[in-house]
């Protein structure tokens, strides 16, 4: 599985993505996150990209239902991964279009990302 979602204390949701992100796995993670949001309210999201090689080709990535339904339910989003993916990831997460800020951190900066989310 390339996408795995975990829940930590203080409404922190951690999404771990390895290799190629498949649309079906992202959809499943979004469904799980929506349940967490419904139960606890707005959350902070930490996305950890490990050996990320991009998005599954041939899938319809233009589905914006989750984004528009939950764009105000994320207090902050921090993404940790290879710097070469920063522009695409910020566009994919809707940085600048959400109520909460989205910030990208290089791979070595997971502790900084967690500290920023905790602020």
PDB file of N, CA and C in Angstrom:
ATOM      1  N   UNK A   1       0.852  -1.184   0.000  1.00  0.00           N
ATOM      2  CA  UNK A   1       0.000   0.000   0.000  1.00  0.00           C
ATOM      3  C   UNK A   1       0.889   1.236   0.000  1.00  0.00           C
ATOM      4  N   UNK A   2       0.611   2.171  -0.885  1.00  0.00           N
ATOM      5  CA  UNK A   2       1.450   3.358  -0.978  1.00  0.00           C
ATOM      6  C   UNK A   2       0.999   4.490  -0.064  1.00  0.00           C
ATOM      7  N   UNK A   3      -0.221   4.438   0.429  1.00  0.00           N
ATOM      8  CA  UNK A   3      -0.721   5.492   1.321  1.00  0.00           C
ATOM      9  C   UNK A   3      -1.255   4.861   2.599  1.00  0.00           C
ATOM     10  N   UNK A   4      -0.747   5.356   3.740  1.00  0.00           N
ATOM     11  CA  UNK A   4      -1.147   4.832   5.031  1.00  0.00           C
ATOM     12  C   UNK A   4      -1.451   6.012   5.945  1.00  0.00           C
ATOM     13  N   UNK A   5      -2.588   5.971   6.599  1.00  0.00           N
ATOM     14  CA  UNK A   5      -2.981   7.082   7.470  1.00  0.00           C
ATOM     15  C   UNK A   5      -2.927   6.632   8.931  1.00  0.00           C
ATOM     16  N   UNK A   6      -2.408   7.510   9.780  1.00  0.00           N
ATOM     17  CA  UNK A   6      -2.292   7.232  11.213  1.00  0.00           C
ATOM     18  C   UNK A   6      -2.790   8.452  11.981  1.00  0.00           C
ATOM     19  N   UNK A   7      -3.181   8.223  13.215  1.00  0.00           N
ATOM     20  CA  UNK A   7      -3.667   9.311  14.057  1.00  0.00           C
ATOM     21  C   UNK A   7      -2.796   9.404  15.292  1.00  0.00           C
ATOM     22  N   UNK A   8      -2.318  10.609  15.555  1.00  0.00           N
ATOM     23  CA  UNK A   8      -1.513  10.842  16.745  1.00  0.00           C
ATOM     24  C   UNK A   8      -2.283  11.781  17.672  1.00  0.00           C
ATOM     25  N   UNK A   9      -1.680  12.090  18.804  1.00  0.00           N
ATOM     26  CA  UNK A   9      -2.376  12.937  19.781  1.00  0.00           C
ATOM     27  C   UNK A   9      -2.590  14.343  19.233  1.00  0.00           C
ATOM     28  N   UNK A  10      -3.467  15.073  19.888  1.00  0.00           N
ATOM     29  CA  UNK A  10      -3.750  16.477  19.566  1.00  0.00           C
ATOM     30  C   UNK A  10      -4.237  16.670  18.129  1.00  0.00           C
ATOM     31  N   UNK A  11      -5.062  15.749  17.655  1.00  0.00           N
ATOM     32  CA  UNK A  11      -5.692  15.855  16.335  1.00  0.00           C
ATOM     33  C   UNK A  11      -4.688  15.967  15.191  1.00  0.00           C
ATOM     34  N   UNK A  12      -3.572  15.264  15.329  1.00  0.00           N
ATOM     35  CA  UNK A  12      -2.582  15.223  14.259  1.00  0.00           C
ATOM     36  C   UNK A  12      -2.807  13.960  13.430  1.00  0.00           C
ATOM     37  N   UNK A  13      -3.030  14.160  12.152  1.00  0.00           N
ATOM     38  CA  UNK A  13      -3.204  13.059  11.212  1.00  0.00           C
ATOM     39  C   UNK A  13      -1.916  12.959  10.397  1.00  0.00           C
ATOM     40  N   UNK A  14      -1.365  11.756  10.310  1.00  0.00           N
ATOM     41  CA  UNK A  14      -0.128  11.527   9.555  1.00  0.00           C
ATOM     42  C   UNK A  14      -0.460  10.642   8.362  1.00  0.00           C
ATOM     43  N   UNK A  15      -0.155  11.152   7.177  1.00  0.00           N
ATOM     44  CA  UNK A  15      -0.353  10.400   5.943  1.00  0.00           C
ATOM     45  C   UNK A  15       1.023  10.050   5.390  1.00  0.00           C
ATOM     46  N   UNK A  16       1.338   8.763   5.374  1.00  0.00           N
ATOM     47  CA  UNK A  16       2.624   8.293   4.847  1.00  0.00           C
ATOM     48  C   UNK A  16       2.398   7.778   3.423  1.00  0.00           C
ATOM     49  N   UNK A  17       3.180   8.321   2.514  1.00  0.00           N
ATOM     50  CA  UNK A  17       3.062   7.931   1.104  1.00  0.00           C
ATOM     51  C   UNK A  17       4.415   7.396   0.650  1.00  0.00           C
ATOM     52  N   UNK A  18       4.390   6.184   0.104  1.00  0.00           N
ATOM     53  CA  UNK A  18       5.621   5.550  -0.398  1.00  0.00           C
ATOM     54  C   UNK A  18       5.450   5.235  -1.878  1.00  0.00           C
ATOM     55  N   UNK A  19       6.502   5.500  -2.628  1.00  0.00           N
ATOM     56  CA  UNK A  19       6.483   5.132  -4.043  1.00  0.00           C
ATOM     57  C   UNK A  19       5.464   5.932  -4.833  1.00  0.00           C
ATOM     58  N   UNK A  20       4.695   5.229  -5.632  1.00  0.00           N
ATOM     59  CA  UNK A  20       3.699   5.859  -6.491  1.00  0.00           C
ATOM     60  C   UNK A  20       2.356   5.945  -5.754  1.00  0.00           C
ATOM     61  N   UNK A  21       1.785   7.134  -5.719  1.00  0.00           N
ATOM     62  CA  UNK A  21       0.489   7.320  -5.068  1.00  0.00           C
ATOM     63  C   UNK A  21      -0.625   6.895  -6.015  1.00  0.00           C
ATOM     64  N   UNK A  22      -1.420   5.952  -5.549  1.00  0.00           N
ATOM     65  CA  UNK A  22      -2.553   5.469  -6.337  1.00  0.00           C
ATOM     66  C   UNK A  22      -3.820   6.219  -5.934  1.00  0.00           C
ATOM     67  N   UNK A  23      -4.643   6.508  -6.910  1.00  0.00           N
ATOM     68  CA  UNK A  23      -5.876   7.257  -6.671  1.00  0.00           C
ATOM     69  C   UNK A  23      -6.776   6.512  -5.689  1.00  0.00           C
ATOM     70  N   UNK A  24      -6.899   5.208  -5.837  1.00  0.00           N
ATOM     71  CA  UNK A  24      -7.764   4.428  -4.954  1.00  0.00           C
ATOM     72  C   UNK A  24      -7.296   4.514  -3.503  1.00  0.00           C
ATOM     73  N   UNK A  25      -5.983   4.538  -3.285  1.00  0.00           N
ATOM     74  CA  UNK A  25      -5.455   4.629  -1.924  1.00  0.00           C
ATOM     75  C   UNK A  25      -5.642   6.025  -1.343  1.00  0.00           C
ATOM     76  N   UNK A  26      -5.489   7.048  -2.176  1.00  0.00           N
ATOM     77  CA  UNK A  26      -5.756   8.405  -1.705  1.00  0.00           C
ATOM     78  C   UNK A  26      -7.225   8.542  -1.342  1.00  0.00           C
ATOM     79  N   UNK A  27      -8.114   8.007  -2.166  1.00  0.00           N
ATOM     80  CA  UNK A  27      -9.551   8.061  -1.870  1.00  0.00           C
ATOM     81  C   UNK A  27      -9.853   7.396  -0.532  1.00  0.00           C
ATOM     82  N   UNK A  28      -9.248   6.243  -0.273  1.00  0.00           N
ATOM     83  CA  UNK A  28      -9.464   5.533   0.995  1.00  0.00           C
ATOM     84  C   UNK A  28      -8.959   6.364   2.167  1.00  0.00           C
ATOM     85  N   UNK A  29      -7.778   6.981   2.030  1.00  0.00           N
ATOM     86  CA  UNK A  29      -7.225   7.820   3.094  1.00  0.00           C
ATOM     87  C   UNK A  29      -8.108   9.035   3.340  1.00  0.00           C
ATOM     88  N   UNK A  30      -8.649   9.611   2.283  1.00  0.00           N
ATOM     89  CA  UNK A  30      -9.541  10.763   2.437  1.00  0.00           C
ATOM     90  C   UNK A  30     -10.828  10.378   3.154  1.00  0.00           C
ATOM     91  N   UNK A  31     -11.361   9.207   2.850  1.00  0.00           N
ATOM     92  CA  UNK A  31     -12.567   8.733   3.524  1.00  0.00           C
ATOM     93  C   UNK A  31     -12.303   8.551   5.014  1.00  0.00           C
ATOM     94  N   UNK A  32     -11.145   7.982   5.342  1.00  0.00           N
ATOM     95  CA  UNK A  32     -10.764   7.798   6.747  1.00  0.00           C
ATOM     96  C   UNK A  32     -10.585   9.145   7.448  1.00  0.00           C
ATOM     97  N   UNK A  33      -9.914  10.075   6.773  1.00  0.00           N
ATOM     98  CA  UNK A  33      -9.697  11.411   7.347  1.00  0.00           C
ATOM     99  C   UNK A  33     -11.018  12.125   7.571  1.00  0.00           C
ATOM    100  N   UNK A  34     -11.953  11.961   6.669  1.00  0.00           N
ATOM    101  CA  UNK A  34     -13.263  12.594   6.820  1.00  0.00           C
ATOM    102  C   UNK A  34     -13.978  12.079   8.072  1.00  0.00           C
ATOM    103  N   UNK A  35     -13.830  10.784   8.363  1.00  0.00           N
ATOM    104  CA  UNK A  35     -14.417  10.225   9.587  1.00  0.00           C
ATOM    105  C   UNK A  35     -13.772  10.848  10.826  1.00  0.00           C
ATOM    106  N   UNK A  36     -12.457  11.002  10.795  1.00  0.00           N
ATOM    107  CA  UNK A  36     -11.728  11.602  11.923  1.00  0.00           C
ATOM    108  C   UNK A  36     -12.172  13.056  12.127  1.00  0.00           C
ATOM    109  N   UNK A  37     -12.308  13.787  11.049  1.00  0.00           N
ATOM    110  CA  UNK A  37     -12.747  15.181  11.115  1.00  0.00           C
ATOM    111  C   UNK A  37     -14.162  15.260  11.679  1.00  0.00           C
ATOM    112  N   UNK A  38     -15.030  14.376  11.237  1.00  0.00           N
ATOM    113  CA  UNK A  38     -16.411  14.370  11.739  1.00  0.00           C
ATOM    114  C   UNK A  38     -16.449  14.084  13.237  1.00  0.00           C
ATOM    115  N   UNK A  39     -15.545  13.223  13.699  1.00  0.00           N
ATOM    116  CA  UNK A  39     -15.530  12.845  15.112  1.00  0.00           C
ATOM    117  C   UNK A  39     -14.836  13.878  15.996  1.00  0.00           C
ATOM    118  N   UNK A  40     -13.798  14.525  15.492  1.00  0.00           N
ATOM    119  CA  UNK A  40     -12.964  15.384  16.338  1.00  0.00           C
ATOM    120  C   UNK A  40     -12.900  16.839  15.928  1.00  0.00           C
ATOM    121  N   UNK A  41     -13.398  17.179  14.762  1.00  0.00           N
ATOM    122  CA  UNK A  41     -13.281  18.558  14.295  1.00  0.00           C
ATOM    123  C   UNK A  41     -12.019  18.743  13.468  1.00  0.00           C
ATOM    124  N   UNK A  42     -11.655  19.983  13.187  1.00  0.00           N
ATOM    125  CA  UNK A  42     -10.487  20.260  12.336  1.00  0.00           C
ATOM    126  C   UNK A  42      -9.218  19.582  12.848  1.00  0.00           C
ATOM    127  N   UNK A  43      -8.380  19.176  11.919  1.00  0.00           N
ATOM    128  CA  UNK A  43      -7.152  18.455  12.234  1.00  0.00           C
ATOM    129  C   UNK A  43      -5.953  19.169  11.615  1.00  0.00           C
ATOM    130  N   UNK A  44      -4.778  18.733  12.046  1.00  0.00           N
ATOM    131  CA  UNK A  44      -3.519  19.142  11.428  1.00  0.00           C
ATOM    132  C   UNK A  44      -2.993  17.924  10.695  1.00  0.00           C
ATOM    133  N   UNK A  45      -2.488  18.131   9.477  1.00  0.00           N
ATOM    134  CA  UNK A  45      -2.066  17.015   8.632  1.00  0.00           C
ATOM    135  C   UNK A  45      -0.571  17.085   8.367  1.00  0.00           C
ATOM    136  N   UNK A  46       0.096  15.964   8.601  1.00  0.00           N
ATOM    137  CA  UNK A  46       1.501  15.805   8.274  1.00  0.00           C
ATOM    138  C   UNK A  46       1.592  14.745   7.185  1.00  0.00           C
ATOM    139  N   UNK A  47       2.100  15.123   6.025  1.00  0.00           N
ATOM    140  CA  UNK A  47       2.273  14.195   4.909  1.00  0.00           C
ATOM    141  C   UNK A  47       3.758  13.879   4.808  1.00  0.00           C
ATOM    142  N   UNK A  48       4.087  12.597   4.883  1.00  0.00           N
ATOM    143  CA  UNK A  48       5.476  12.151   4.801  1.00  0.00           C
ATOM    144  C   UNK A  48       5.669  11.378   3.504  1.00  0.00           C
ATOM    145  N   UNK A  49       6.464  11.926   2.600  1.00  0.00           N
ATOM    146  CA  UNK A  49       6.744  11.290   1.317  1.00  0.00           C
ATOM    147  C   UNK A  49       8.048  10.508   1.431  1.00  0.00           C
ATOM    148  N   UNK A  50       7.986   9.223   1.185  1.00  0.00           N
ATOM    149  CA  UNK A  50       9.164   8.362   1.271  1.00  0.00           C
ATOM    150  C   UNK A  50       9.329   7.654  -0.067  1.00  0.00           C
ATOM    151  N   UNK A  51      10.473   7.846  -0.706  1.00  0.00           N
ATOM    152  CA  UNK A  51      10.718   7.254  -2.030  1.00  0.00           C
ATOM    153  C   UNK A  51       9.589   7.578  -3.004  1.00  0.00           C
ATOM    154  N   UNK A  52       9.047   8.766  -2.888  1.00  0.00           N
ATOM    155  CA  UNK A  52       7.915   9.190  -3.720  1.00  0.00           C
ATOM    156  C   UNK A  52       8.352   9.324  -5.166  1.00  0.00           C
ATOM    157  N   UNK A  53       7.571   8.705  -6.069  1.00  0.00           N
ATOM    158  CA  UNK A  53       7.895   8.793  -7.492  1.00  0.00           C
ATOM    159  C   UNK A  53       6.780   9.449  -8.298  1.00  0.00           C
ATOM    160  N   UNK A  54       5.725   9.904  -7.636  1.00  0.00           N
ATOM    161  CA  UNK A  54       4.657  10.609  -8.333  1.00  0.00           C
ATOM    162  C   UNK A  54       3.306   9.938  -8.187  1.00  0.00           C
ATOM    163  N   UNK A  55       2.422  10.339  -9.072  1.00  0.00           N
ATOM    164  CA  UNK A  55       1.033   9.903  -9.029  1.00  0.00           C
ATOM    165  C   UNK A  55       0.779   8.843 -10.096  1.00  0.00           C
ATOM    166  N   UNK A  56      -0.088   7.918  -9.777  1.00  0.00           N
ATOM    167  CA  UNK A  56      -0.480   6.868 -10.716  1.00  0.00           C
ATOM    168  C   UNK A  56      -0.989   7.501 -12.011  1.00  0.00           C
ATOM    169  N   UNK A  57      -0.460   7.061 -13.103  1.00  0.00           N
ATOM    170  CA  UNK A  57      -0.885   7.584 -14.406  1.00  0.00           C
ATOM    171  C   UNK A  57      -2.215   6.962 -14.824  1.00  0.00           C
ATOM    172  N   UNK A  58      -2.922   7.730 -15.646  1.00  0.00           N
ATOM    173  CA  UNK A  58      -4.152   7.214 -16.219  1.00  0.00           C
ATOM    174  C   UNK A  58      -5.372   7.372 -15.338  1.00  0.00           C
ATOM    175  N   UNK A  59      -5.204   7.845 -14.141  1.00  0.00           N
ATOM    176  CA  UNK A  59      -6.340   8.033 -13.242  1.00  0.00           C
ATOM    177  C   UNK A  59      -6.857   9.460 -13.338  1.00  0.00           C
ATOM    178  N   UNK A  60      -8.086   9.648 -12.948  1.00  0.00           N
ATOM    179  CA  UNK A  60      -8.714  10.968 -12.953  1.00  0.00           C
ATOM    180  C   UNK A  60      -8.440  11.656 -11.625  1.00  0.00           C
ATOM    181  N   UNK A  61      -7.465  12.525 -11.594  1.00  0.00           N
ATOM    182  CA  UNK A  61      -7.064  13.207 -10.372  1.00  0.00           C
ATOM    183  C   UNK A  61      -7.814  14.519 -10.183  1.00  0.00           C
ATOM    184  N   UNK A  62      -8.737  14.845 -11.071  1.00  0.00           N
ATOM    185  CA  UNK A  62      -9.422  16.133 -11.000  1.00  0.00           C
ATOM    186  C   UNK A  62     -10.632  16.162 -10.080  1.00  0.00           C
ATOM    187  N   UNK A  63     -10.913  15.071  -9.361  1.00  0.00           N
ATOM    188  CA  UNK A  63     -12.048  15.027  -8.442  1.00  0.00           C
ATOM    189  C   UNK A  63     -11.773  15.973  -7.273  1.00  0.00           C
ATOM    190  N   UNK A  64     -12.585  17.008  -7.142  1.00  0.00           N
ATOM    191  CA  UNK A  64     -12.360  18.034  -6.114  1.00  0.00           C
ATOM    192  C   UNK A  64     -13.378  17.972  -4.975  1.00  0.00           C
ATOM    193  N   UNK A  65     -14.185  16.919  -4.915  1.00  0.00           N
ATOM    194  CA  UNK A  65     -15.218  16.824  -3.877  1.00  0.00           C
ATOM    195  C   UNK A  65     -14.630  16.906  -2.469  1.00  0.00           C
ATOM    196  N   UNK A  66     -13.599  16.110  -2.190  1.00  0.00           N
ATOM    197  CA  UNK A  66     -13.005  16.119  -0.853  1.00  0.00           C
ATOM    198  C   UNK A  66     -12.429  17.497  -0.538  1.00  0.00           C
ATOM    199  N   UNK A  67     -11.725  18.081  -1.496  1.00  0.00           N
ATOM    200  CA  UNK A  67     -11.117  19.394  -1.276  1.00  0.00           C
ATOM    201  C   UNK A  67     -12.176  20.420  -0.891  1.00  0.00           C
ATOM    202  N   UNK A  68     -13.237  20.518  -1.670  1.00  0.00           N
ATOM    203  CA  UNK A  68     -14.247  21.541  -1.390  1.00  0.00           C
ATOM    204  C   UNK A  68     -15.073  21.225  -0.149  1.00  0.00           C
ATOM    205  N   UNK A  69     -15.278  19.958   0.141  1.00  0.00           N
ATOM    206  CA  UNK A  69     -16.024  19.579   1.340  1.00  0.00           C
ATOM    207  C   UNK A  69     -15.236  19.800   2.619  1.00  0.00           C
ATOM    208  N   UNK A  70     -13.892  19.712   2.535  1.00  0.00           N
ATOM    209  CA  UNK A  70     -13.061  19.739   3.745  1.00  0.00           C
ATOM    210  C   UNK A  70     -11.937  20.772   3.707  1.00  0.00           C
ATOM    211  N   UNK A  71     -11.994  21.707   2.802  1.00  0.00           N
ATOM    212  CA  UNK A  71     -10.875  22.657   2.692  1.00  0.00           C
ATOM    213  C   UNK A  71     -10.681  23.514   3.933  1.00  0.00           C
ATOM    214  N   UNK A  72     -11.717  23.663   4.754  1.00  0.00           N
ATOM    215  CA  UNK A  72     -11.598  24.443   5.988  1.00  0.00           C
ATOM    216  C   UNK A  72     -11.395  23.569   7.228  1.00  0.00           C
ATOM    217  N   UNK A  73     -11.259  22.265   7.027  1.00  0.00           N
ATOM    218  CA  UNK A  73     -11.140  21.328   8.144  1.00  0.00           C
ATOM    219  C   UNK A  73      -9.700  20.975   8.497  1.00  0.00           C
ATOM    220  N   UNK A  74      -8.753  21.593   7.821  1.00  0.00           N
ATOM    221  CA  UNK A  74      -7.336  21.364   8.106  1.00  0.00           C
ATOM    222  C   UNK A  74      -6.738  22.658   8.635  1.00  0.00           C
ATOM    223  N   UNK A  75      -6.369  22.643   9.923  1.00  0.00           N
ATOM    224  CA  UNK A  75      -5.781  23.842  10.513  1.00  0.00           C
ATOM    225  C   UNK A  75      -4.473  24.194   9.824  1.00  0.00           C
ATOM    226  N   UNK A  76      -3.660  23.180   9.564  1.00  0.00           N
ATOM    227  CA  UNK A  76      -2.379  23.327   8.873  1.00  0.00           C
ATOM    228  C   UNK A  76      -2.064  22.018   8.171  1.00  0.00           C
ATOM    229  N   UNK A  77      -1.291  22.135   7.086  1.00  0.00           N
ATOM    230  CA  UNK A  77      -0.798  20.948   6.399  1.00  0.00           C
ATOM    231  C   UNK A  77       0.701  21.129   6.200  1.00  0.00           C
ATOM    232  N   UNK A  78       1.480  20.165   6.676  1.00  0.00           N
ATOM    233  CA  UNK A  78       2.927  20.146   6.462  1.00  0.00           C
ATOM    234  C   UNK A  78       3.256  18.922   5.614  1.00  0.00           C
ATOM    235  N   UNK A  79       4.053  19.131   4.587  1.00  0.00           N
ATOM    236  CA  UNK A  79       4.481  18.038   3.723  1.00  0.00           C
ATOM    237  C   UNK A  79       5.994  17.932   3.819  1.00  0.00           C
ATOM    238  N   UNK A  80       6.482  16.723   4.081  1.00  0.00           N
ATOM    239  CA  UNK A  80       7.915  16.467   4.183  1.00  0.00           C
ATOM    240  C   UNK A  80       8.304  15.525   3.053  1.00  0.00           C
ATOM    241  N   UNK A  81       9.263  15.957   2.230  1.00  0.00           N
ATOM    242  CA  UNK A  81       9.680  15.104   1.129  1.00  0.00           C
ATOM    243  C   UNK A  81      10.820  15.702   0.335  1.00  0.00           C
ATOM    244  N   UNK A  82      11.161  15.051  -0.775  1.00  0.00           N
ATOM    245  CA  UNK A  82      12.229  15.549  -1.640  1.00  0.00           C
ATOM    246  C   UNK A  82      11.851  16.916  -2.217  1.00  0.00           C
ATOM    247  N   UNK A  83      12.788  17.840  -2.159  1.00  0.00           N
ATOM    248  CA  UNK A  83      12.525  19.217  -2.586  1.00  0.00           C
ATOM    249  C   UNK A  83      12.066  19.323  -4.038  1.00  0.00           C
ATOM    250  N   UNK A  84      12.458  18.377  -4.865  1.00  0.00           N
ATOM    251  CA  UNK A  84      12.074  18.451  -6.275  1.00  0.00           C
ATOM    252  C   UNK A  84      10.562  18.350  -6.481  1.00  0.00           C
ATOM    253  N   UNK A  85       9.850  17.829  -5.484  1.00  0.00           N
ATOM    254  CA  UNK A  85       8.405  17.681  -5.607  1.00  0.00           C
ATOM    255  C   UNK A  85       7.636  18.882  -5.060  1.00  0.00           C
ATOM    256  N   UNK A  86       8.311  19.831  -4.454  1.00  0.00           N
ATOM    257  CA  UNK A  86       7.614  20.927  -3.772  1.00  0.00           C
ATOM    258  C   UNK A  86       6.569  21.639  -4.638  1.00  0.00           C
ATOM    259  N   UNK A  87       6.870  22.129  -5.839  1.00  0.00           N
ATOM    260  CA  UNK A  87       5.839  22.852  -6.608  1.00  0.00           C
ATOM    261  C   UNK A  87       4.599  22.007  -6.902  1.00  0.00           C
ATOM    262  N   UNK A  88       4.809  20.747  -7.298  1.00  0.00           N
ATOM    263  CA  UNK A  88       3.671  19.883  -7.618  1.00  0.00           C
ATOM    264  C   UNK A  88       2.842  19.553  -6.382  1.00  0.00           C
ATOM    265  N   UNK A  89       3.526  19.303  -5.265  1.00  0.00           N
ATOM    266  CA  UNK A  89       2.820  18.953  -4.029  1.00  0.00           C
ATOM    267  C   UNK A  89       2.006  20.149  -3.534  1.00  0.00           C
ATOM    268  N   UNK A  90       2.574  21.339  -3.570  1.00  0.00           N
ATOM    269  CA  UNK A  90       1.835  22.521  -3.109  1.00  0.00           C
ATOM    270  C   UNK A  90       0.604  22.752  -3.982  1.00  0.00           C
ATOM    271  N   UNK A  91       0.729  22.545  -5.280  1.00  0.00           N
ATOM    272  CA  UNK A  91      -0.438  22.671  -6.159  1.00  0.00           C
ATOM    273  C   UNK A  91      -1.457  21.579  -5.858  1.00  0.00           C
ATOM    274  N   UNK A  92      -0.987  20.339  -5.677  1.00  0.00           N
ATOM    275  CA  UNK A  92      -1.874  19.206  -5.420  1.00  0.00           C
ATOM    276  C   UNK A  92      -2.654  19.380  -4.118  1.00  0.00           C
ATOM    277  N   UNK A  93      -2.031  19.967  -3.098  1.00  0.00           N
ATOM    278  CA  UNK A  93      -2.692  20.148  -1.803  1.00  0.00           C
ATOM    279  C   UNK A  93      -3.576  21.393  -1.753  1.00  0.00           C
ATOM    280  N   UNK A  94      -3.529  22.201  -2.793  1.00  0.00           N
ATOM    281  CA  UNK A  94      -4.363  23.406  -2.802  1.00  0.00           C
ATOM    282  C   UNK A  94      -3.815  24.514  -1.931  1.00  0.00           C
ATOM    283  N   UNK A  95      -2.498  24.593  -1.817  1.00  0.00           N
ATOM    284  CA  UNK A  95      -1.875  25.664  -1.025  1.00  0.00           C
ATOM    285  C   UNK A  95      -2.353  27.011  -1.542  1.00  0.00           C
ATOM    286  N   UNK A  96      -2.735  27.878  -0.614  1.00  0.00           N
ATOM    287  CA  UNK A  96      -3.238  29.192  -0.971  1.00  0.00           C
ATOM    288  C   UNK A  96      -4.740  29.227  -1.216  1.00  0.00           C
ATOM    289  N   UNK A  97      -5.353  28.067  -1.334  1.00  0.00           N
ATOM    290  CA  UNK A  97      -6.802  27.987  -1.565  1.00  0.00           C
ATOM    291  C   UNK A  97      -7.548  27.457  -0.349  1.00  0.00           C
ATOM    292  N   UNK A  98      -6.814  27.111   0.670  1.00  0.00           N
ATOM    293  CA  UNK A  98      -7.386  26.558   1.899  1.00  0.00           C
ATOM    294  C   UNK A  98      -7.408  27.612   2.985  1.00  0.00           C
ATOM    295  N   UNK A  99      -8.243  27.384   3.981  1.00  0.00           N
ATOM    296  CA  UNK A  99      -8.274  28.265   5.143  1.00  0.00           C
ATOM    297  C   UNK A  99      -6.949  28.202   5.898  1.00  0.00           C
ATOM    298  N   UNK A 100      -6.439  26.983   6.093  1.00  0.00           N
ATOM    299  CA  UNK A 100      -5.182  26.797   6.814  1.00  0.00           C
ATOM    300  C   UNK A 100      -3.993  26.804   5.870  1.00  0.00           C
ATOM    301  N   UNK A 101      -2.824  27.166   6.379  1.00  0.00           N
ATOM    302  CA  UNK A 101      -1.624  27.207   5.537  1.00  0.00           C
ATOM    303  C   UNK A 101      -1.087  25.813   5.220  1.00  0.00           C
ATOM    304  N   UNK A 102      -0.387  25.740   4.083  1.00  0.00           N
ATOM    305  CA  UNK A 102       0.296  24.526   3.659  1.00  0.00           C
ATOM    306  C   UNK A 102       1.766  24.896   3.510  1.00  0.00           C
ATOM    307  N   UNK A 103       2.642  24.075   4.093  1.00  0.00           N
ATOM    308  CA  UNK A 103       4.068  24.358   4.041  1.00  0.00           C
ATOM    309  C   UNK A 103       4.839  23.088   3.699  1.00  0.00           C
ATOM    310  N   UNK A 104       5.859  23.244   2.851  1.00  0.00           N
ATOM    311  CA  UNK A 104       6.683  22.119   2.432  1.00  0.00           C
ATOM    312  C   UNK A 104       8.001  22.142   3.195  1.00  0.00           C
ATOM    313  N   UNK A 105       8.464  20.964   3.625  1.00  0.00           N
ATOM    314  CA  UNK A 105       9.724  20.814   4.345  1.00  0.00           C
ATOM    315  C   UNK A 105      10.554  19.745   3.639  1.00  0.00           C
ATOM    316  N   UNK A 106      11.855  19.960   3.541  1.00  0.00           N
ATOM    317  CA  UNK A 106      12.726  18.958   2.923  1.00  0.00           C
ATOM    318  C   UNK A 106      12.777  17.713   3.807  1.00  0.00           C
ATOM    319  N   UNK A 107      13.258  16.620   3.240  1.00  0.00           N
ATOM    320  CA  UNK A 107      13.245  15.314   3.911  1.00  0.00           C
ATOM    321  C   UNK A 107      13.882  15.303   5.297  1.00  0.00           C
ATOM    322  N   UNK A 108      14.915  16.060   5.504  1.00  0.00           N
ATOM    323  CA  UNK A 108      15.617  16.054   6.791  1.00  0.00           C
ATOM    324  C   UNK A 108      14.903  16.873   7.860  1.00  0.00           C
ATOM    325  N   UNK A 109      13.813  17.525   7.487  1.00  0.00           N
ATOM    326  CA  UNK A 109      13.177  18.479   8.392  1.00  0.00           C
ATOM    327  C   UNK A 109      11.834  18.041   8.976  1.00  0.00           C
ATOM    328  N   UNK A 110      11.643  16.734   9.142  1.00  0.00           N
ATOM    329  CA  UNK A 110      10.403  16.279   9.776  1.00  0.00           C
ATOM    330  C   UNK A 110      10.222  16.877  11.174  1.00  0.00           C
ATOM    331  N   UNK A 111      11.269  16.967  12.010  1.00  0.00           N
ATOM    332  CA  UNK A 111      11.074  17.595  13.326  1.00  0.00           C
ATOM    333  C   UNK A 111      10.606  19.054  13.218  1.00  0.00           C
ATOM    334  N   UNK A 112      11.117  19.785  12.248  1.00  0.00           N
ATOM    335  CA  UNK A 112      10.679  21.180  12.049  1.00  0.00           C
ATOM    336  C   UNK A 112       9.225  21.225  11.599  1.00  0.00           C
ATOM    337  N   UNK A 113       8.845  20.302  10.751  1.00  0.00           N
ATOM    338  CA  UNK A 113       7.460  20.236  10.280  1.00  0.00           C
ATOM    339  C   UNK A 113       6.514  19.957  11.444  1.00  0.00           C
ATOM    340  N   UNK A 114       6.892  19.017  12.295  1.00  0.00           N
ATOM    341  CA  UNK A 114       6.066  18.695  13.463  1.00  0.00           C
ATOM    342  C   UNK A 114       5.982  19.888  14.415  1.00  0.00           C
ATOM    343  N   UNK A 115       7.093  20.591  14.605  1.00  0.00           N
ATOM    344  CA  UNK A 115       7.095  21.771  15.476  1.00  0.00           C
ATOM    345  C   UNK A 115       6.192  22.861  14.905  1.00  0.00           C
ATOM    346  N   UNK A 116       6.245  23.063  13.599  1.00  0.00           N
ATOM    347  CA  UNK A 116       5.397  24.076  12.954  1.00  0.00           C
ATOM    348  C   UNK A 116       3.915  23.719  13.118  1.00  0.00           C
ATOM    349  N   UNK A 117       3.601  22.447  12.937  1.00  0.00           N
ATOM    350  CA  UNK A 117       2.209  22.021  13.114  1.00  0.00           C
ATOM    351  C   UNK A 117       1.725  22.225  14.546  1.00  0.00           C
ATOM    352  N   UNK A 118       2.609  22.083  15.504  1.00  0.00           N
ATOM    353  CA  UNK A 118       2.238  22.196  16.922  1.00  0.00           C
ATOM    354  C   UNK A 118       2.084  23.653  17.377  1.00  0.00           C
ATOM    355  N   UNK A 119       2.596  24.597  16.613  1.00  0.00           N
ATOM    356  CA  UNK A 119       2.517  26.021  16.987  1.00  0.00           C
ATOM    357  C   UNK A 119       1.073  26.488  17.076  1.00  0.00           C
TER     358      UNK A 119
END
